[in-house]
Amino acid sequence: MQEIMKYTLLFFFYSFSGWCLESTYCSIGEKKLINRGFLTGPLCPIYGSAAIVMALLIYPLRETPLLVFLLGIVVCDIVEYVTSYMMEKLFNARWWDYTYEFCNLNGRISLKHSLHWGVVSVVFVLMVHPSVENLYMKIPVSYLPFILAIILLIFALDLANAVRKAMDFRKLRNKIGKMTDVLTENLTAVKSIVGDKYTIIQTEMYKQKDRIDEFSHQLNDAKEQFETIIDFKSKKNKISSLPARLLSNYPNLEKAVNKQIVKLQDVINDLKANIYEGEEKH
C-alpha cells in the first residue's frame, strides 16, 4: 500500500513538473503564456506516466547511462505513441503531429523528440529521481492518505470536466464530418441525374434542393459554434474555456476543423451549382 501511495504521489509530482517544463518551453516559443495540457489544472499526465515507467523499469539500471539513454527512448516513445493514438481515437482529433519532421512514425513520434527523450531519461534517472525520492522520504507517512485524497479528488473533477468538453468538441467535428459524407453522396447522385432526362432532373433537383437548404442551415449552426470557440481564444476576450484553450495550444485541432468546414462548404457549393445548372438546361 505504501508503494502504491508513493508512486501515485510521484505521478502527480512529475505530471506537474512536466507541465511546468512544456508550458514554459511553448510560452517562450509562442511569446505568450500557454497552459500546455489537456486538463485545466497544471498537469500533463503523459510526463507523469513516462516518469513512473522509467522509475520502475530504468532506474534500477542507473549504473549504465548508455542503456538508460536507449531504454529511455524506447519507453518514452511507446508512451507518447500510445497516448497520441488513444486520444485521437477517443476525441477524433490529433493533439500533436510530427508528420513533417525527419524520420517520424505516423506523425506520432519523431527522431528529434526521441533523442530529447533519451537525454531527459539520463538526467531524470541520474539526477532528478534520486533527489525527488529523498524529498518524498521527508513527508510523514500519516500525511500521505490525506494529501493523496485531496489531489485525487481535484484531479478526478478536472478530468471529468476536460473529457466532457473534449467530447462536445468531438461531437461538433463528427457532425461536420457526417454532413460532408452525406452531401458527397448527394453530389454523386446529382451528377448522375444530370445525364438523364430533363423531366427526371426537375423532380429530383427540387428534392435535393430541400436537403441542401437543410444542410446549409446545419453548417451555419456548426460554424457559429466553432466561431464562438475561436472568439473565446481571442486576446480581446478574457473569458476562457477548455475548447478555446485547446485550439490555442494545439493548432492542429483548429486547422482540422477549418479544413472540414471548407470541404463541406465546397461540397454544398458544388451541389448548388449542379442544381442550378440542371434548372437552366430545363
C-alpha atoms as a PDB file:
ATOM      1  CA  MET A   1       0.000   0.000   0.000  1.00  0.00           C
ATOM      2  CA  GLN A   2       2.874   2.333   0.830  1.00  0.00           C
ATOM      3  CA  GLU A   3       4.414   1.739  -2.588  1.00  0.00           C
ATOM      4  CA  ILE A   4       1.112   2.491  -4.343  1.00  0.00           C
ATOM      5  CA  MET A   5       0.750   5.771  -2.464  1.00  0.00           C
ATOM      6  CA  LYS A   6       4.372   6.626  -3.167  1.00  0.00           C
ATOM      7  CA  TYR A   7       4.167   6.170  -6.925  1.00  0.00           C
ATOM      8  CA  THR A   8       0.738   7.801  -7.144  1.00  0.00           C
ATOM      9  CA  LEU A   9       2.085  10.909  -5.451  1.00  0.00           C
ATOM     10  CA  LEU A  10       5.198  10.828  -7.652  1.00  0.00           C
ATOM     11  CA  PHE A  11       2.965  10.526 -10.709  1.00  0.00           C
ATOM     12  CA  PHE A  12       1.248  13.807  -9.840  1.00  0.00           C
ATOM     13  CA  PHE A  13       4.533  15.480  -8.971  1.00  0.00           C
ATOM     14  CA  TYR A  14       6.103  14.550 -12.298  1.00  0.00           C
ATOM     15  CA  SER A  15       2.910  15.442 -14.174  1.00  0.00           C
ATOM     16  CA  PHE A  16       3.126  18.902 -12.614  1.00  0.00           C
ATOM     17  CA  SER A  17       6.850  19.181 -13.356  1.00  0.00           C
ATOM     18  CA  GLY A  18       6.278  18.154 -16.972  1.00  0.00           C
ATOM     19  CA  TRP A  19       3.509  20.726 -17.299  1.00  0.00           C
ATOM     20  CA  CYS A  20       5.844  23.438 -15.998  1.00  0.00           C
ATOM     21  CA  LEU A  21       8.608  22.495 -18.434  1.00  0.00           C
ATOM     22  CA  GLU A  22       6.405  22.176 -21.512  1.00  0.00           C
ATOM     23  CA  SER A  23       4.304  25.254 -20.763  1.00  0.00           C
ATOM     24  CA  THR A  24       7.472  27.303 -20.247  1.00  0.00           C
ATOM     25  CA  TYR A  25       9.044  25.964 -23.454  1.00  0.00           C
ATOM     26  CA  CYS A  26       5.905  26.613 -25.523  1.00  0.00           C
ATOM     27  CA  SER A  27       5.306  30.033 -23.938  1.00  0.00           C
ATOM     28  CA  ILE A  28       8.822  31.146 -24.870  1.00  0.00           C
ATOM     29  CA  GLY A  29       8.394  29.863 -28.413  1.00  0.00           C
ATOM     30  CA  GLU A  30       4.976  31.490 -28.895  1.00  0.00           C
ATOM     31  CA  LYS A  31       5.920  34.610 -26.905  1.00  0.00           C
ATOM     32  CA  LYS A  32       2.739  34.359 -24.862  1.00  0.00           C
ATOM     33  CA  LEU A  33       1.561  32.487 -21.767  1.00  0.00           C
ATOM     34  CA  ILE A  34       0.345  28.990 -22.684  1.00  0.00           C
ATOM     35  CA  ASN A  35      -1.323  26.414 -20.451  1.00  0.00           C
ATOM     36  CA  ARG A  36       0.012  23.379 -22.276  1.00  0.00           C
ATOM     37  CA  GLY A  37      -2.160  20.458 -21.315  1.00  0.00           C
ATOM     38  CA  PHE A  38      -5.411  18.634 -21.838  1.00  0.00           C
ATOM     39  CA  LEU A  39      -6.535  19.380 -18.291  1.00  0.00           C
ATOM     40  CA  THR A  40      -7.414  22.785 -16.897  1.00  0.00           C
ATOM     41  CA  GLY A  41      -5.118  22.284 -13.925  1.00  0.00           C
ATOM     42  CA  PRO A  42      -1.294  22.332 -14.102  1.00  0.00           C
ATOM     43  CA  LEU A  43      -0.809  18.674 -15.006  1.00  0.00           C
ATOM     44  CA  CYS A  44       0.460  16.779 -18.065  1.00  0.00           C
ATOM     45  CA  PRO A  45      -0.219  13.104 -17.234  1.00  0.00           C
ATOM     46  CA  ILE A  46       1.913  11.885 -20.159  1.00  0.00           C
ATOM     47  CA  TYR A  47       5.003  13.096 -18.290  1.00  0.00           C
ATOM     48  CA  GLY A  48       3.872  11.517 -15.053  1.00  0.00           C
ATOM     49  CA  SER A  49       3.231   8.209 -16.815  1.00  0.00           C
ATOM     50  CA  ALA A  50       6.625   8.219 -18.547  1.00  0.00           C
ATOM     51  CA  ALA A  51       8.392   9.138 -15.300  1.00  0.00           C
ATOM     52  CA  ILE A  52       6.786   6.328 -13.317  1.00  0.00           C
ATOM     53  CA  VAL A  53       7.609   3.766 -16.019  1.00  0.00           C
ATOM     54  CA  MET A  54      11.227   4.972 -16.021  1.00  0.00           C
ATOM     55  CA  ALA A  55      11.376   4.910 -12.233  1.00  0.00           C
ATOM     56  CA  LEU A  56      10.172   1.303 -12.148  1.00  0.00           C
ATOM     57  CA  LEU A  57      11.981  -0.140 -15.192  1.00  0.00           C
ATOM     58  CA  ILE A  58      15.008   2.037 -15.957  1.00  0.00           C
ATOM     59  CA  TYR A  59      16.091   3.489 -12.614  1.00  0.00           C
ATOM     60  CA  PRO A  60      17.461   0.105 -11.446  1.00  0.00           C
ATOM     61  CA  LEU A  61      19.856   0.275 -14.456  1.00  0.00           C
ATOM     62  CA  ARG A  62      21.265   3.679 -13.500  1.00  0.00           C
ATOM     63  CA  GLU A  63      24.831   2.328 -13.378  1.00  0.00           C
ATOM     64  CA  THR A  64      24.793   2.099 -17.212  1.00  0.00           C
ATOM     65  CA  PRO A  65      23.976   5.566 -18.628  1.00  0.00           C
ATOM     66  CA  LEU A  66      24.075   4.425 -22.274  1.00  0.00           C
ATOM     67  CA  LEU A  67      21.495   1.739 -21.562  1.00  0.00           C
ATOM     68  CA  VAL A  68      19.396   4.303 -19.711  1.00  0.00           C
ATOM     69  CA  PHE A  69      19.561   6.589 -22.764  1.00  0.00           C
ATOM     70  CA  LEU A  70      18.476   3.849 -25.197  1.00  0.00           C
ATOM     71  CA  LEU A  71      15.750   2.401 -22.989  1.00  0.00           C
ATOM     72  CA  GLY A  72      14.519   5.904 -22.220  1.00  0.00           C
ATOM     73  CA  ILE A  73      13.974   6.475 -25.928  1.00  0.00           C
ATOM     74  CA  VAL A  74      12.055   3.207 -26.289  1.00  0.00           C
ATOM     75  CA  VAL A  75       9.896   3.631 -23.182  1.00  0.00           C
ATOM     76  CA  CYS A  76       9.028   7.296 -23.779  1.00  0.00           C
ATOM     77  CA  ASP A  77       8.324   6.744 -27.474  1.00  0.00           C
ATOM     78  CA  ILE A  78       5.913   3.949 -26.595  1.00  0.00           C
ATOM     79  CA  VAL A  79       4.139   6.148 -24.038  1.00  0.00           C
ATOM     80  CA  GLU A  80       3.940   9.079 -26.483  1.00  0.00           C
ATOM     81  CA  TYR A  81       2.752   6.926 -29.402  1.00  0.00           C
ATOM     82  CA  VAL A  82       0.091   5.099 -27.384  1.00  0.00           C
ATOM     83  CA  THR A  83      -1.132   8.370 -25.829  1.00  0.00           C
ATOM     84  CA  SER A  84      -1.397  10.031 -29.245  1.00  0.00           C
ATOM     85  CA  TYR A  85      -3.272   7.049 -30.702  1.00  0.00           C
ATOM     86  CA  MET A  86      -5.723   6.732 -27.802  1.00  0.00           C
ATOM     87  CA  MET A  87      -6.528  10.462 -27.664  1.00  0.00           C
ATOM     88  CA  GLU A  88      -7.088  10.571 -31.418  1.00  0.00           C
ATOM     89  CA  LYS A  89      -9.455   7.599 -31.294  1.00  0.00           C
ATOM     90  CA  LEU A  90     -11.270   8.901 -28.235  1.00  0.00           C
ATOM     91  CA  PHE A  91     -11.668  12.543 -29.282  1.00  0.00           C
ATOM     92  CA  ASN A  92     -11.378  12.271 -33.072  1.00  0.00           C
ATOM     93  CA  ALA A  93      -8.509  14.780 -33.074  1.00  0.00           C
ATOM     94  CA  ARG A  94      -4.717  14.609 -33.308  1.00  0.00           C
ATOM     95  CA  TRP A  95      -3.174  16.627 -30.483  1.00  0.00           C
ATOM     96  CA  TRP A  96       0.340  16.806 -31.934  1.00  0.00           C
ATOM     97  CA  ASP A  97       1.658  15.966 -35.370  1.00  0.00           C
ATOM     98  CA  TYR A  98       5.281  15.322 -36.380  1.00  0.00           C
ATOM     99  CA  THR A  99       4.397  14.349 -39.952  1.00  0.00           C
ATOM    100  CA  TYR A 100       6.705  16.947 -41.471  1.00  0.00           C
ATOM    101  CA  GLU A 101       9.638  16.173 -39.192  1.00  0.00           C
ATOM    102  CA  PHE A 102      12.544  13.999 -40.292  1.00  0.00           C
ATOM    103  CA  CYS A 103      12.259  10.288 -39.502  1.00  0.00           C
ATOM    104  CA  ASN A 104       8.799  10.190 -37.913  1.00  0.00           C
ATOM    105  CA  LEU A 105       6.411   7.298 -37.333  1.00  0.00           C
ATOM    106  CA  ASN A 106       2.840   8.093 -38.419  1.00  0.00           C
ATOM    107  CA  GLY A 107       3.379  11.651 -37.217  1.00  0.00           C
ATOM    108  CA  ARG A 108       3.105  10.499 -33.595  1.00  0.00           C
ATOM    109  CA  ILE A 109       6.803  10.245 -32.701  1.00  0.00           C
ATOM    110  CA  SER A 110       9.947  11.532 -34.412  1.00  0.00           C
ATOM    111  CA  LEU A 111      13.712  11.109 -34.215  1.00  0.00           C
ATOM    112  CA  LYS A 112      14.275  14.608 -32.819  1.00  0.00           C
ATOM    113  CA  HIS A 113      11.845  14.131 -29.958  1.00  0.00           C
ATOM    114  CA  SER A 114      13.114  10.597 -29.345  1.00  0.00           C
ATOM    115  CA  LEU A 115      16.649  11.924 -28.822  1.00  0.00           C
ATOM    116  CA  HIS A 116      15.254  14.560 -26.472  1.00  0.00           C
ATOM    117  CA  TRP A 117      13.516  11.807 -24.511  1.00  0.00           C
ATOM    118  CA  GLY A 118      16.799   9.891 -24.285  1.00  0.00           C
ATOM    119  CA  VAL A 119      18.672  12.867 -22.830  1.00  0.00           C
ATOM    120  CA  VAL A 120      15.818  13.642 -20.434  1.00  0.00           C
ATOM    121  CA  SER A 121      15.809   9.990 -19.307  1.00  0.00           C
ATOM    122  CA  VAL A 122      19.510  10.134 -18.355  1.00  0.00           C
ATOM    123  CA  VAL A 123      19.045  13.388 -16.443  1.00  0.00           C
ATOM    124  CA  PHE A 124      15.911  12.003 -14.792  1.00  0.00           C
ATOM    125  CA  VAL A 125      17.475   8.718 -13.678  1.00  0.00           C
ATOM    126  CA  LEU A 126      20.849  10.067 -12.551  1.00  0.00           C
ATOM    127  CA  MET A 127      19.829  13.401 -11.021  1.00  0.00           C
ATOM    128  CA  VAL A 128      16.122  14.139 -10.718  1.00  0.00           C
ATOM    129  CA  HIS A 129      14.568  10.953  -9.384  1.00  0.00           C
ATOM    130  CA  PRO A 130      17.108  10.342  -6.576  1.00  0.00           C
ATOM    131  CA  SER A 131      16.551  13.911  -5.306  1.00  0.00           C
ATOM    132  CA  VAL A 132      12.774  13.586  -5.531  1.00  0.00           C
ATOM    133  CA  GLU A 133      12.841  10.298  -3.635  1.00  0.00           C
ATOM    134  CA  ASN A 134      14.864  11.956  -0.871  1.00  0.00           C
ATOM    135  CA  LEU A 135      12.245  14.701  -0.628  1.00  0.00           C
ATOM    136  CA  TYR A 136       9.462  12.143  -0.578  1.00  0.00           C
ATOM    137  CA  MET A 137      11.050  10.340   2.364  1.00  0.00           C
ATOM    138  CA  LYS A 138      10.705  13.520   4.428  1.00  0.00           C
ATOM    139  CA  ILE A 139       6.910  13.519   4.137  1.00  0.00           C
ATOM    140  CA  PRO A 140       5.310  11.999   7.273  1.00  0.00           C
ATOM    141  CA  VAL A 141       3.615   8.725   6.354  1.00  0.00           C
ATOM    142  CA  SER A 142       0.482   9.722   8.277  1.00  0.00           C
ATOM    143  CA  TYR A 143       0.005  12.701   5.934  1.00  0.00           C
ATOM    144  CA  LEU A 144       0.072  10.701   2.710  1.00  0.00           C
ATOM    145  CA  PRO A 145      -3.568   9.448   2.669  1.00  0.00           C
ATOM    146  CA  PHE A 146      -4.928  12.979   3.191  1.00  0.00           C
ATOM    147  CA  ILE A 147      -2.623  14.563   0.615  1.00  0.00           C
ATOM    148  CA  LEU A 148      -3.491  11.919  -1.964  1.00  0.00           C
ATOM    149  CA  ALA A 149      -7.219  12.098  -1.237  1.00  0.00           C
ATOM    150  CA  ILE A 150      -7.275  15.848  -1.910  1.00  0.00           C
ATOM    151  CA  ILE A 151      -5.155  15.581  -5.064  1.00  0.00           C
ATOM    152  CA  LEU A 152      -7.174  12.654  -6.434  1.00  0.00           C
ATOM    153  CA  LEU A 153     -10.481  14.463  -5.840  1.00  0.00           C
ATOM    154  CA  ILE A 154      -9.318  17.600  -7.657  1.00  0.00           C
ATOM    155  CA  PHE A 155      -7.792  15.515 -10.448  1.00  0.00           C
ATOM    156  CA  ALA A 156     -10.976  13.461 -10.902  1.00  0.00           C
ATOM    157  CA  LEU A 157     -13.164  16.574 -11.157  1.00  0.00           C
ATOM    158  CA  ASP A 158     -10.761  18.238 -13.593  1.00  0.00           C
ATOM    159  CA  LEU A 159     -10.500  15.093 -15.719  1.00  0.00           C
ATOM    160  CA  ALA A 160     -14.280  14.632 -15.854  1.00  0.00           C
ATOM    161  CA  ASN A 161     -14.778  18.238 -16.949  1.00  0.00           C
ATOM    162  CA  ALA A 162     -11.995  18.011 -19.559  1.00  0.00           C
ATOM    163  CA  VAL A 163     -13.374  14.796 -21.048  1.00  0.00           C
ATOM    164  CA  ARG A 164     -16.901  16.248 -21.194  1.00  0.00           C
ATOM    165  CA  LYS A 165     -15.699  19.368 -23.001  1.00  0.00           C
ATOM    166  CA  ALA A 166     -13.495  17.393 -25.350  1.00  0.00           C
ATOM    167  CA  MET A 167     -16.390  15.075 -26.188  1.00  0.00           C
ATOM    168  CA  ASP A 168     -18.521  18.117 -27.049  1.00  0.00           C
ATOM    169  CA  PHE A 169     -15.775  19.230 -29.401  1.00  0.00           C
ATOM    170  CA  ARG A 170     -15.673  15.738 -30.878  1.00  0.00           C
ATOM    171  CA  LYS A 171     -19.443  15.842 -31.483  1.00  0.00           C
ATOM    172  CA  LEU A 172     -19.035  19.094 -33.410  1.00  0.00           C
ATOM    173  CA  ARG A 173     -16.349  17.567 -35.626  1.00  0.00           C
ATOM    174  CA  ASN A 174     -18.374  14.391 -36.148  1.00  0.00           C
ATOM    175  CA  LYS A 175     -21.440  16.454 -37.079  1.00  0.00           C
ATOM    176  CA  ILE A 176     -19.483  18.310 -39.744  1.00  0.00           C
ATOM    177  CA  GLY A 177     -17.922  15.065 -40.953  1.00  0.00           C
ATOM    178  CA  LYS A 178     -21.260  13.276 -41.298  1.00  0.00           C
ATOM    179  CA  MET A 179     -22.776  16.213 -43.137  1.00  0.00           C
ATOM    180  CA  THR A 180     -19.845  16.142 -45.559  1.00  0.00           C
ATOM    181  CA  ASP A 181     -20.255  12.406 -46.187  1.00  0.00           C
ATOM    182  CA  VAL A 182     -23.997  12.657 -46.809  1.00  0.00           C
ATOM    183  CA  LEU A 183     -23.654  15.650 -49.098  1.00  0.00           C
ATOM    184  CA  THR A 184     -20.851  13.987 -51.039  1.00  0.00           C
ATOM    185  CA  GLU A 185     -23.201  11.074 -51.731  1.00  0.00           C
ATOM    186  CA  ASN A 186     -25.894  13.540 -52.805  1.00  0.00           C
ATOM    187  CA  LEU A 187     -23.434  15.267 -55.109  1.00  0.00           C
ATOM    188  CA  THR A 188     -22.658  11.974 -56.816  1.00  0.00           C
ATOM    189  CA  ALA A 189     -26.361  11.316 -57.207  1.00  0.00           C
ATOM    190  CA  VAL A 190     -26.981  14.775 -58.645  1.00  0.00           C
ATOM    191  CA  LYS A 191     -24.174  14.440 -61.176  1.00  0.00           C
ATOM    192  CA  SER A 192     -25.550  11.107 -62.356  1.00  0.00           C
ATOM    193  CA  ILE A 193     -29.058  12.553 -62.631  1.00  0.00           C
ATOM    194  CA  VAL A 194     -27.869  15.429 -64.807  1.00  0.00           C
ATOM    195  CA  GLY A 195     -27.030  12.981 -67.546  1.00  0.00           C
ATOM    196  CA  ASP A 196     -30.584  11.571 -67.605  1.00  0.00           C
ATOM    197  CA  LYS A 197     -33.820  13.018 -68.959  1.00  0.00           C
ATOM    198  CA  TYR A 198     -34.727  16.590 -68.055  1.00  0.00           C
ATOM    199  CA  THR A 199     -38.166  15.597 -66.742  1.00  0.00           C
ATOM    200  CA  ILE A 200     -36.476  13.427 -64.116  1.00  0.00           C
ATOM    201  CA  ILE A 201     -33.976  16.187 -63.392  1.00  0.00           C
ATOM    202  CA  GLN A 202     -36.628  18.711 -62.405  1.00  0.00           C
ATOM    203  CA  THR A 203     -38.311  16.442 -59.868  1.00  0.00           C
ATOM    204  CA  GLU A 204     -35.108  15.132 -58.330  1.00  0.00           C
ATOM    205  CA  MET A 205     -33.405  18.510 -58.237  1.00  0.00           C
ATOM    206  CA  TYR A 206     -36.131  20.053 -56.110  1.00  0.00           C
ATOM    207  CA  LYS A 207     -35.885  17.106 -53.705  1.00  0.00           C
ATOM    208  CA  GLN A 208     -32.156  17.642 -53.451  1.00  0.00           C
ATOM    209  CA  LYS A 209     -32.661  21.385 -53.110  1.00  0.00           C
ATOM    210  CA  ASP A 210     -34.657  20.957 -49.914  1.00  0.00           C
ATOM    211  CA  ARG A 211     -31.957  18.756 -48.448  1.00  0.00           C
ATOM    212  CA  ILE A 212     -29.232  21.215 -49.437  1.00  0.00           C
ATOM    213  CA  ASP A 213     -31.081  24.040 -47.685  1.00  0.00           C
ATOM    214  CA  GLU A 214     -31.354  21.907 -44.567  1.00  0.00           C
ATOM    215  CA  PHE A 215     -27.649  21.088 -44.586  1.00  0.00           C
ATOM    216  CA  SER A 216     -26.781  24.727 -45.253  1.00  0.00           C
ATOM    217  CA  HIS A 217     -28.602  25.675 -42.042  1.00  0.00           C
ATOM    218  CA  GLN A 218     -26.808  22.903 -40.144  1.00  0.00           C
ATOM    219  CA  LEU A 219     -23.454  24.083 -41.486  1.00  0.00           C
ATOM    220  CA  ASN A 220     -24.208  27.636 -40.384  1.00  0.00           C
ATOM    221  CA  ASP A 221     -25.025  26.338 -36.894  1.00  0.00           C
ATOM    222  CA  ALA A 222     -21.764  24.391 -36.776  1.00  0.00           C
ATOM    223  CA  LYS A 223     -19.853  27.449 -37.981  1.00  0.00           C
ATOM    224  CA  GLU A 224     -21.418  29.578 -35.248  1.00  0.00           C
ATOM    225  CA  GLN A 225     -20.394  27.038 -32.598  1.00  0.00           C
ATOM    226  CA  PHE A 226     -16.840  26.958 -33.895  1.00  0.00           C
ATOM    227  CA  GLU A 227     -16.623  30.739 -34.273  1.00  0.00           C
ATOM    228  CA  THR A 228     -17.790  31.100 -30.675  1.00  0.00           C
ATOM    229  CA  ILE A 229     -14.884  28.925 -29.571  1.00  0.00           C
ATOM    230  CA  ILE A 230     -12.489  30.949 -31.733  1.00  0.00           C
ATOM    231  CA  ASP A 231     -13.846  34.143 -30.175  1.00  0.00           C
ATOM    232  CA  PHE A 232     -13.124  32.793 -26.710  1.00  0.00           C
ATOM    233  CA  LYS A 233      -9.468  32.274 -27.562  1.00  0.00           C
ATOM    234  CA  SER A 234      -9.019  35.753 -28.993  1.00  0.00           C
ATOM    235  CA  LYS A 235      -6.918  38.140 -26.950  1.00  0.00           C
ATOM    236  CA  LYS A 236      -9.766  40.614 -26.639  1.00  0.00           C
ATOM    237  CA  ASN A 237     -11.994  38.121 -24.882  1.00  0.00           C
ATOM    238  CA  LYS A 238     -10.743  37.439 -21.357  1.00  0.00           C
ATOM    239  CA  ILE A 239     -13.224  34.623 -20.770  1.00  0.00           C
ATOM    240  CA  SER A 240     -11.557  31.237 -21.127  1.00  0.00           C
ATOM    241  CA  SER A 241     -12.954  27.824 -21.970  1.00  0.00           C
ATOM    242  CA  LEU A 242     -11.382  24.417 -22.404  1.00  0.00           C
ATOM    243  CA  PRO A 243     -12.113  24.069 -26.154  1.00  0.00           C
ATOM    244  CA  ALA A 244     -10.750  27.573 -26.772  1.00  0.00           C
ATOM    245  CA  ARG A 245      -7.594  26.815 -24.821  1.00  0.00           C
ATOM    246  CA  LEU A 246      -7.084  23.533 -26.639  1.00  0.00           C
ATOM    247  CA  LEU A 247      -7.454  25.244 -30.021  1.00  0.00           C
ATOM    248  CA  SER A 248      -4.989  27.908 -28.953  1.00  0.00           C
ATOM    249  CA  ASN A 249      -2.396  25.481 -27.603  1.00  0.00           C
ATOM    250  CA  TYR A 250      -2.840  22.764 -30.238  1.00  0.00           C
ATOM    251  CA  PRO A 251      -3.066  24.490 -33.670  1.00  0.00           C
ATOM    252  CA  ASN A 252      -3.626  21.117 -35.392  1.00  0.00           C
ATOM    253  CA  LEU A 253      -7.143  20.972 -33.935  1.00  0.00           C
ATOM    254  CA  GLU A 254      -8.206  24.337 -35.342  1.00  0.00           C
ATOM    255  CA  LYS A 255      -6.676  23.537 -38.745  1.00  0.00           C
ATOM    256  CA  ALA A 256      -8.509  20.192 -38.868  1.00  0.00           C
ATOM    257  CA  VAL A 257     -11.905  21.721 -38.115  1.00  0.00           C
ATOM    258  CA  ASN A 258     -11.362  24.570 -40.578  1.00  0.00           C
ATOM    259  CA  LYS A 259     -10.422  22.022 -43.227  1.00  0.00           C
ATOM    260  CA  GLN A 260     -13.634  20.070 -42.576  1.00  0.00           C
ATOM    261  CA  ILE A 261     -15.768  23.220 -42.790  1.00  0.00           C
ATOM    262  CA  VAL A 262     -14.127  24.344 -46.039  1.00  0.00           C
ATOM    263  CA  LYS A 263     -14.577  20.887 -47.544  1.00  0.00           C
ATOM    264  CA  LEU A 264     -18.240  20.809 -46.548  1.00  0.00           C
ATOM    265  CA  GLN A 265     -18.820  24.297 -47.940  1.00  0.00           C
ATOM    266  CA  ASP A 266     -17.204  23.245 -51.235  1.00  0.00           C
ATOM    267  CA  VAL A 267     -19.493  20.220 -51.467  1.00  0.00           C
ATOM    268  CA  ILE A 268     -22.581  22.381 -50.826  1.00  0.00           C
ATOM    269  CA  ASN A 269     -21.487  24.908 -53.442  1.00  0.00           C
ATOM    270  CA  ASP A 270     -20.849  22.128 -55.950  1.00  0.00           C
ATOM    271  CA  LEU A 271     -24.284  20.672 -55.286  1.00  0.00           C
ATOM    272  CA  LYS A 272     -25.984  24.042 -55.717  1.00  0.00           C
ATOM    273  CA  ALA A 273     -24.077  24.637 -58.951  1.00  0.00           C
ATOM    274  CA  ASN A 274     -25.302  21.328 -60.370  1.00  0.00           C
ATOM    275  CA  ILE A 275     -28.860  22.032 -59.263  1.00  0.00           C
ATOM    276  CA  TYR A 276     -28.973  25.479 -60.837  1.00  0.00           C
ATOM    277  CA  GLU A 277     -27.284  24.188 -63.978  1.00  0.00           C
ATOM    278  CA  GLY A 278     -29.914  21.470 -64.282  1.00  0.00           C
ATOM    279  CA  GLU A 279     -32.718  24.021 -63.840  1.00  0.00           C
ATOM    280  CA  GLU A 280     -31.241  26.298 -66.503  1.00  0.00           C
ATOM    281  CA  LYS A 281     -30.971  23.456 -69.005  1.00  0.00           C
ATOM    282  CA  HIS A 282     -34.562  22.509 -68.324  1.00  0.00           C
END
